[in-house]
Every structure is written in structure tokens, then in C-alpha cells.
Amino acid sequence: MGALESDQMRAVYALLVTEAPSEVDITPSTREAIADDPVLDEILSRSVESGRDLPTEKRASGEYEVVTIDTDEMDREKLYDAAVSLEKLPAYDEDSTEHPLGRYVEHEGQLLVFGYGVDD
């Protein structure tokens, strides 16, 4: 992860989306890097609930439901560990206006794009 330090971590998040870019590898949520991380597991659990409340048409129109765990809920070290886990997954980093950047994960029929935020 380069110069990222645990004390810089601000949040880990996932966007609920309806489709992935054709060239991206979608990771199943059962993969060890995701399933064994408590922060990512919690986001997946919350996404199931959020996904029920967000109609597909709304997501298709570009409005995303965002599921976030930040430093108000979790200590920076756990958020850092989650970011390290995310770094193990294939990333979509093309310059695209149609698809968000991040790591695409499939969980219980939902498609999520994971990312994380750091303090400047």
C-alpha cells in the first residue's frame, strides 16, 4: 500500500451498483481477504439491508447507496487492516465516467464497489 499509515485512515466504504465494467474481475465475497475481515464483513451485512431499500432503477440512474464505516465507529487500525485486505483484490482504475473506481465484489446477488478514504 506504499506510504499509507494506519493513523491516516478515515473510512472504508462500498457503493451498491447495478453493473460492472466488462474488463473488471469481480471478486466473490467469500474470498478469504474479504470474509476474514470484520470491517468488510460488517459492510457486506449492512449492504444487504441497504440494497433492499434501493430500487434497481435508482442505482441504474447513477444514484448510489453508500455503506460506510468510519473512525466514529471503528478504530483506525481496523480500518487500515480492511484497506490492506482490499489492496489484495483486483482494482478497476480506468478513467471512466460510467463506472466508479474501486474493487468490485459480489455478495448475495448484489454488486458492490469497495474503496477507502484517508486523511490528507
N, C-alpha and C. Protein backbone atom coordinates (compact mmCIF):
# COMPACT_ATOMS: atom_id res chain seq x y z
N MET A 1 0.81 -1.19 0.00
CA MET A 1 0.00 0.00 0.00
C MET A 1 0.85 1.26 0.00
N GLY A 2 2.14 1.09 -0.06
CA GLY A 2 3.00 2.26 -0.15
C GLY A 2 3.10 3.02 1.14
N ALA A 3 2.86 4.32 1.06
CA ALA A 3 3.08 5.21 2.20
C ALA A 3 1.87 5.34 3.12
N LEU A 4 0.83 4.60 2.87
CA LEU A 4 -0.36 4.70 3.72
C LEU A 4 -0.04 4.21 5.13
N GLU A 5 -0.43 5.00 6.11
CA GLU A 5 -0.23 4.65 7.51
C GLU A 5 -1.58 4.48 8.18
N SER A 6 -1.62 3.64 9.21
CA SER A 6 -2.90 3.38 9.87
C SER A 6 -3.50 4.64 10.49
N ASP A 7 -2.66 5.58 10.92
CA ASP A 7 -3.22 6.78 11.54
C ASP A 7 -3.82 7.75 10.53
N GLN A 8 -3.71 7.45 9.23
CA GLN A 8 -4.31 8.28 8.19
C GLN A 8 -5.72 7.80 7.81
N MET A 9 -6.09 6.60 8.21
CA MET A 9 -7.36 6.02 7.78
C MET A 9 -8.55 6.83 8.30
N ARG A 10 -9.51 7.06 7.42
CA ARG A 10 -10.71 7.78 7.78
C ARG A 10 -11.95 6.89 7.67
N ALA A 11 -12.03 6.11 6.59
CA ALA A 11 -13.24 5.30 6.38
C ALA A 11 -12.98 4.21 5.35
N VAL A 12 -13.81 3.17 5.42
CA VAL A 12 -13.90 2.16 4.39
C VAL A 12 -15.36 2.17 3.94
N TYR A 13 -15.59 2.09 2.63
CA TYR A 13 -16.95 2.22 2.12
C TYR A 13 -17.19 1.26 0.96
N ALA A 14 -18.47 1.09 0.64
CA ALA A 14 -18.86 0.35 -0.56
C ALA A 14 -20.05 1.06 -1.19
N LEU A 15 -20.05 1.12 -2.50
CA LEU A 15 -21.17 1.64 -3.27
C LEU A 15 -21.96 0.45 -3.81
N LEU A 16 -23.26 0.48 -3.69
CA LEU A 16 -24.09 -0.55 -4.31
C LEU A 16 -24.36 -0.11 -5.74
N VAL A 17 -23.99 -0.94 -6.71
CA VAL A 17 -24.14 -0.60 -8.12
C VAL A 17 -24.88 -1.71 -8.84
N THR A 18 -25.27 -1.46 -10.08
CA THR A 18 -26.01 -2.46 -10.83
C THR A 18 -25.17 -3.19 -11.86
N GLU A 19 -24.07 -2.60 -12.29
CA GLU A 19 -23.25 -3.29 -13.29
C GLU A 19 -21.78 -2.94 -13.10
N ALA A 20 -20.96 -3.83 -13.63
CA ALA A 20 -19.52 -3.65 -13.56
C ALA A 20 -18.98 -3.43 -14.96
N PRO A 21 -17.83 -2.78 -15.07
CA PRO A 21 -17.19 -2.66 -16.38
C PRO A 21 -16.88 -4.06 -16.91
N SER A 22 -16.93 -4.23 -18.21
CA SER A 22 -16.73 -5.56 -18.79
C SER A 22 -15.34 -6.11 -18.52
N GLU A 23 -14.35 -5.25 -18.36
CA GLU A 23 -12.98 -5.71 -18.19
C GLU A 23 -12.55 -5.91 -16.74
N VAL A 24 -13.46 -5.78 -15.79
CA VAL A 24 -13.09 -5.89 -14.38
C VAL A 24 -13.32 -7.31 -13.87
N ASP A 25 -12.44 -7.75 -12.98
CA ASP A 25 -12.62 -9.02 -12.29
C ASP A 25 -13.49 -8.78 -11.06
N ILE A 26 -14.59 -9.50 -10.96
CA ILE A 26 -15.48 -9.37 -9.81
C ILE A 26 -15.10 -10.46 -8.81
N THR A 27 -14.86 -10.05 -7.58
CA THR A 27 -14.45 -10.97 -6.53
C THR A 27 -15.67 -11.41 -5.74
N PRO A 28 -15.81 -12.72 -5.50
CA PRO A 28 -16.91 -13.16 -4.63
C PRO A 28 -16.63 -12.78 -3.18
N SER A 29 -17.67 -12.46 -2.43
CA SER A 29 -17.48 -12.02 -1.04
C SER A 29 -16.98 -13.14 -0.14
N THR A 30 -16.99 -14.36 -0.64
CA THR A 30 -16.49 -15.48 0.16
C THR A 30 -14.97 -15.60 0.12
N ARG A 31 -14.32 -14.80 -0.72
CA ARG A 31 -12.86 -14.85 -0.79
C ARG A 31 -12.25 -14.47 0.56
N GLU A 32 -11.19 -15.14 0.93
CA GLU A 32 -10.58 -15.00 2.25
C GLU A 32 -10.27 -13.56 2.62
N ALA A 33 -9.75 -12.77 1.71
CA ALA A 33 -9.38 -11.38 2.02
C ALA A 33 -10.58 -10.56 2.47
N ILE A 34 -11.76 -10.95 2.05
CA ILE A 34 -12.98 -10.23 2.43
C ILE A 34 -13.66 -10.90 3.62
N ALA A 35 -13.88 -12.20 3.51
CA ALA A 35 -14.66 -12.92 4.51
C ALA A 35 -14.01 -12.89 5.90
N ASP A 36 -12.69 -12.79 5.96
CA ASP A 36 -11.99 -12.83 7.25
C ASP A 36 -11.77 -11.46 7.86
N ASP A 37 -12.22 -10.40 7.20
CA ASP A 37 -12.01 -9.05 7.71
C ASP A 37 -13.30 -8.54 8.36
N PRO A 38 -13.27 -8.18 9.65
CA PRO A 38 -14.51 -7.78 10.33
C PRO A 38 -15.13 -6.50 9.78
N VAL A 39 -14.34 -5.55 9.31
CA VAL A 39 -14.87 -4.30 8.76
C VAL A 39 -15.59 -4.58 7.44
N LEU A 40 -14.94 -5.33 6.56
CA LEU A 40 -15.55 -5.63 5.27
C LEU A 40 -16.79 -6.51 5.44
N ASP A 41 -16.73 -7.44 6.38
CA ASP A 41 -17.88 -8.28 6.67
C ASP A 41 -19.07 -7.45 7.16
N GLU A 42 -18.80 -6.47 8.00
CA GLU A 42 -19.87 -5.59 8.50
C GLU A 42 -20.47 -4.76 7.37
N ILE A 43 -19.64 -4.27 6.48
CA ILE A 43 -20.15 -3.51 5.33
C ILE A 43 -21.02 -4.40 4.45
N LEU A 44 -20.60 -5.64 4.24
CA LEU A 44 -21.41 -6.56 3.44
C LEU A 44 -22.77 -6.80 4.11
N SER A 45 -22.77 -6.99 5.42
CA SER A 45 -24.02 -7.20 6.14
C SER A 45 -24.94 -5.99 6.00
N ARG A 46 -24.39 -4.80 6.15
CA ARG A 46 -25.20 -3.58 6.02
C ARG A 46 -25.69 -3.38 4.59
N SER A 47 -24.90 -3.82 3.62
CA SER A 47 -25.29 -3.61 2.22
C SER A 47 -26.52 -4.42 1.86
N VAL A 48 -26.67 -5.60 2.47
CA VAL A 48 -27.85 -6.42 2.21
C VAL A 48 -29.10 -5.64 2.61
N GLU A 49 -29.06 -5.04 3.78
CA GLU A 49 -30.19 -4.25 4.26
C GLU A 49 -30.41 -3.01 3.38
N SER A 50 -29.34 -2.30 3.07
CA SER A 50 -29.45 -1.09 2.25
C SER A 50 -29.95 -1.42 0.85
N GLY A 51 -29.51 -2.54 0.31
CA GLY A 51 -29.90 -2.92 -1.04
C GLY A 51 -31.39 -3.19 -1.17
N ARG A 52 -32.00 -3.66 -0.10
CA ARG A 52 -33.45 -3.89 -0.13
C ARG A 52 -34.21 -2.58 -0.28
N ASP A 53 -33.63 -1.51 0.23
CA ASP A 53 -34.30 -0.22 0.23
C ASP A 53 -33.99 0.63 -1.00
N LEU A 54 -33.13 0.16 -1.86
CA LEU A 54 -32.71 0.96 -3.01
C LEU A 54 -33.12 0.28 -4.31
N PRO A 55 -34.14 0.80 -4.96
CA PRO A 55 -34.61 0.17 -6.20
C PRO A 55 -33.52 0.16 -7.27
N THR A 56 -33.54 -0.88 -8.08
CA THR A 56 -32.56 -1.03 -9.16
C THR A 56 -32.57 0.18 -10.10
N GLU A 57 -33.76 0.71 -10.39
CA GLU A 57 -33.84 1.85 -11.31
C GLU A 57 -33.06 3.04 -10.76
N LYS A 58 -33.10 3.23 -9.46
CA LYS A 58 -32.41 4.35 -8.85
C LYS A 58 -30.89 4.18 -9.00
N ARG A 59 -30.42 2.96 -8.75
CA ARG A 59 -28.99 2.70 -8.92
C ARG A 59 -28.58 2.84 -10.38
N ALA A 60 -29.42 2.38 -11.28
CA ALA A 60 -29.11 2.44 -12.71
C ALA A 60 -29.02 3.89 -13.20
N SER A 61 -29.72 4.80 -12.50
CA SER A 61 -29.69 6.19 -12.93
C SER A 61 -28.45 6.92 -12.39
N GLY A 62 -27.58 6.19 -11.71
CA GLY A 62 -26.35 6.80 -11.23
C GLY A 62 -26.39 7.19 -9.77
N GLU A 63 -27.52 6.97 -9.09
CA GLU A 63 -27.60 7.27 -7.66
C GLU A 63 -27.16 6.02 -6.92
N TYR A 64 -26.14 6.16 -6.10
CA TYR A 64 -25.59 5.02 -5.39
C TYR A 64 -25.98 5.06 -3.92
N GLU A 65 -26.20 3.90 -3.37
CA GLU A 65 -26.32 3.77 -1.93
C GLU A 65 -24.91 3.51 -1.42
N VAL A 66 -24.48 4.26 -0.43
CA VAL A 66 -23.13 4.12 0.10
C VAL A 66 -23.21 3.56 1.51
N VAL A 67 -22.45 2.52 1.76
CA VAL A 67 -22.36 1.92 3.09
C VAL A 67 -20.94 2.21 3.59
N THR A 68 -20.85 2.91 4.73
CA THR A 68 -19.54 3.38 5.22
C THR A 68 -19.34 2.99 6.68
N ILE A 69 -18.12 2.65 7.01
CA ILE A 69 -17.69 2.53 8.39
C ILE A 69 -16.52 3.49 8.55
N ASP A 70 -16.65 4.43 9.48
CA ASP A 70 -15.60 5.44 9.63
C ASP A 70 -15.01 5.41 11.04
N THR A 71 -14.16 6.39 11.32
CA THR A 71 -13.46 6.43 12.60
C THR A 71 -14.38 6.70 13.78
N ASP A 72 -15.60 7.15 13.53
CA ASP A 72 -16.56 7.29 14.62
C ASP A 72 -17.05 5.93 15.13
N GLU A 73 -16.98 4.92 14.26
CA GLU A 73 -17.47 3.58 14.62
C GLU A 73 -16.37 2.57 14.88
N MET A 74 -15.21 2.77 14.30
CA MET A 74 -14.18 1.74 14.31
C MET A 74 -12.82 2.42 14.46
N ASP A 75 -11.89 1.78 15.16
CA ASP A 75 -10.58 2.40 15.30
C ASP A 75 -9.80 2.32 13.99
N ARG A 76 -8.88 3.24 13.84
CA ARG A 76 -8.13 3.39 12.58
C ARG A 76 -7.34 2.13 12.22
N GLU A 77 -6.87 1.40 13.21
CA GLU A 77 -6.10 0.19 12.93
C GLU A 77 -6.95 -0.86 12.21
N LYS A 78 -8.19 -1.03 12.64
CA LYS A 78 -9.09 -1.98 11.98
C LYS A 78 -9.45 -1.51 10.58
N LEU A 79 -9.64 -0.21 10.42
CA LEU A 79 -9.91 0.34 9.08
C LEU A 79 -8.70 0.14 8.17
N TYR A 80 -7.51 0.33 8.73
CA TYR A 80 -6.27 0.11 7.97
C TYR A 80 -6.17 -1.35 7.54
N ASP A 81 -6.45 -2.27 8.44
CA ASP A 81 -6.41 -3.69 8.10
C ASP A 81 -7.39 -4.01 6.97
N ALA A 82 -8.56 -3.37 7.00
CA ALA A 82 -9.53 -3.57 5.92
C ALA A 82 -8.99 -3.04 4.59
N ALA A 83 -8.34 -1.88 4.62
CA ALA A 83 -7.75 -1.32 3.40
C ALA A 83 -6.66 -2.24 2.86
N VAL A 84 -5.87 -2.82 3.75
CA VAL A 84 -4.84 -3.78 3.32
C VAL A 84 -5.50 -4.98 2.65
N SER A 85 -6.60 -5.47 3.23
CA SER A 85 -7.35 -6.57 2.62
C SER A 85 -7.86 -6.19 1.24
N LEU A 86 -8.38 -4.97 1.11
CA LEU A 86 -8.89 -4.51 -0.19
C LEU A 86 -7.78 -4.44 -1.23
N GLU A 87 -6.58 -4.07 -0.81
CA GLU A 87 -5.46 -3.96 -1.74
C GLU A 87 -5.10 -5.30 -2.38
N LYS A 88 -5.53 -6.39 -1.78
CA LYS A 88 -5.26 -7.73 -2.32
C LYS A 88 -6.20 -8.09 -3.46
N LEU A 89 -7.27 -7.31 -3.64
CA LEU A 89 -8.27 -7.61 -4.66
C LEU A 89 -7.96 -6.87 -5.95
N PRO A 90 -8.42 -7.42 -7.09
CA PRO A 90 -8.23 -6.70 -8.36
C PRO A 90 -8.97 -5.36 -8.33
N ALA A 91 -8.34 -4.34 -8.85
CA ALA A 91 -8.92 -2.99 -8.81
C ALA A 91 -9.28 -2.52 -10.21
N TYR A 92 -10.39 -1.79 -10.28
CA TYR A 92 -10.76 -1.11 -11.52
C TYR A 92 -10.32 0.33 -11.38
N ASP A 93 -9.37 0.75 -12.20
CA ASP A 93 -8.83 2.10 -12.07
C ASP A 93 -8.76 2.84 -13.40
N GLU A 94 -9.62 2.43 -14.33
CA GLU A 94 -9.68 3.11 -15.63
C GLU A 94 -10.34 4.47 -15.48
N ASP A 95 -10.02 5.38 -16.37
CA ASP A 95 -10.66 6.70 -16.36
C ASP A 95 -12.02 6.56 -17.03
N SER A 96 -13.07 6.45 -16.23
CA SER A 96 -14.40 6.18 -16.76
C SER A 96 -15.43 7.06 -16.07
N THR A 97 -16.37 7.54 -16.84
CA THR A 97 -17.46 8.29 -16.23
C THR A 97 -18.66 7.38 -15.96
N GLU A 98 -18.62 6.17 -16.51
CA GLU A 98 -19.76 5.26 -16.37
C GLU A 98 -19.66 4.36 -15.15
N HIS A 99 -18.47 4.07 -14.68
CA HIS A 99 -18.29 3.12 -13.59
C HIS A 99 -17.36 3.69 -12.53
N PRO A 100 -17.72 3.52 -11.26
CA PRO A 100 -16.84 4.02 -10.20
C PRO A 100 -15.56 3.19 -10.08
N LEU A 101 -14.51 3.83 -9.62
CA LEU A 101 -13.24 3.15 -9.38
C LEU A 101 -13.34 2.36 -8.09
N GLY A 102 -12.56 1.30 -8.00
CA GLY A 102 -12.52 0.52 -6.77
C GLY A 102 -12.43 -0.96 -7.04
N ARG A 103 -12.76 -1.74 -6.02
CA ARG A 103 -12.72 -3.18 -6.11
C ARG A 103 -14.14 -3.72 -6.14
N TYR A 104 -14.47 -4.44 -7.20
CA TYR A 104 -15.83 -4.94 -7.40
C TYR A 104 -16.00 -6.29 -6.72
N VAL A 105 -17.04 -6.37 -5.88
CA VAL A 105 -17.31 -7.58 -5.10
C VAL A 105 -18.78 -7.94 -5.26
N GLU A 106 -19.04 -9.24 -5.43
CA GLU A 106 -20.42 -9.73 -5.49
C GLU A 106 -20.75 -10.37 -4.15
N HIS A 107 -21.91 -9.98 -3.60
CA HIS A 107 -22.35 -10.51 -2.31
C HIS A 107 -23.85 -10.73 -2.33
N GLU A 108 -24.26 -11.98 -2.21
CA GLU A 108 -25.68 -12.33 -2.15
C GLU A 108 -26.50 -11.65 -3.26
N GLY A 109 -25.98 -11.71 -4.46
CA GLY A 109 -26.68 -11.15 -5.62
C GLY A 109 -26.53 -9.65 -5.80
N GLN A 110 -25.81 -9.00 -4.91
CA GLN A 110 -25.57 -7.56 -5.04
C GLN A 110 -24.14 -7.33 -5.53
N LEU A 111 -23.98 -6.22 -6.24
CA LEU A 111 -22.66 -5.83 -6.72
C LEU A 111 -22.24 -4.58 -5.96
N LEU A 112 -21.06 -4.63 -5.35
CA LEU A 112 -20.56 -3.52 -4.57
C LEU A 112 -19.19 -3.11 -5.11
N VAL A 113 -18.88 -1.83 -4.94
CA VAL A 113 -17.56 -1.32 -5.28
C VAL A 113 -16.95 -0.81 -3.98
N PHE A 114 -15.89 -1.46 -3.54
CA PHE A 114 -15.23 -1.09 -2.28
C PHE A 114 -14.12 -0.08 -2.51
N GLY A 115 -13.95 0.78 -1.53
CA GLY A 115 -12.86 1.73 -1.51
C GLY A 115 -12.59 2.18 -0.08
N TYR A 116 -11.63 3.07 0.08
CA TYR A 116 -11.36 3.60 1.41
C TYR A 116 -10.90 5.04 1.29
N GLY A 117 -11.06 5.79 2.39
CA GLY A 117 -10.67 7.18 2.43
C GLY A 117 -9.63 7.42 3.51
N VAL A 118 -8.73 8.34 3.24
CA VAL A 118 -7.67 8.68 4.19
C VAL A 118 -7.68 10.18 4.45
N ASP A 119 -7.14 10.56 5.60
CA ASP A 119 -6.96 11.97 5.91
C ASP A 119 -5.80 12.50 5.08
N ASP A 120 -5.90 13.76 4.68
CA ASP A 120 -4.81 14.37 3.90
C ASP A 120 -3.63 14.70 4.77
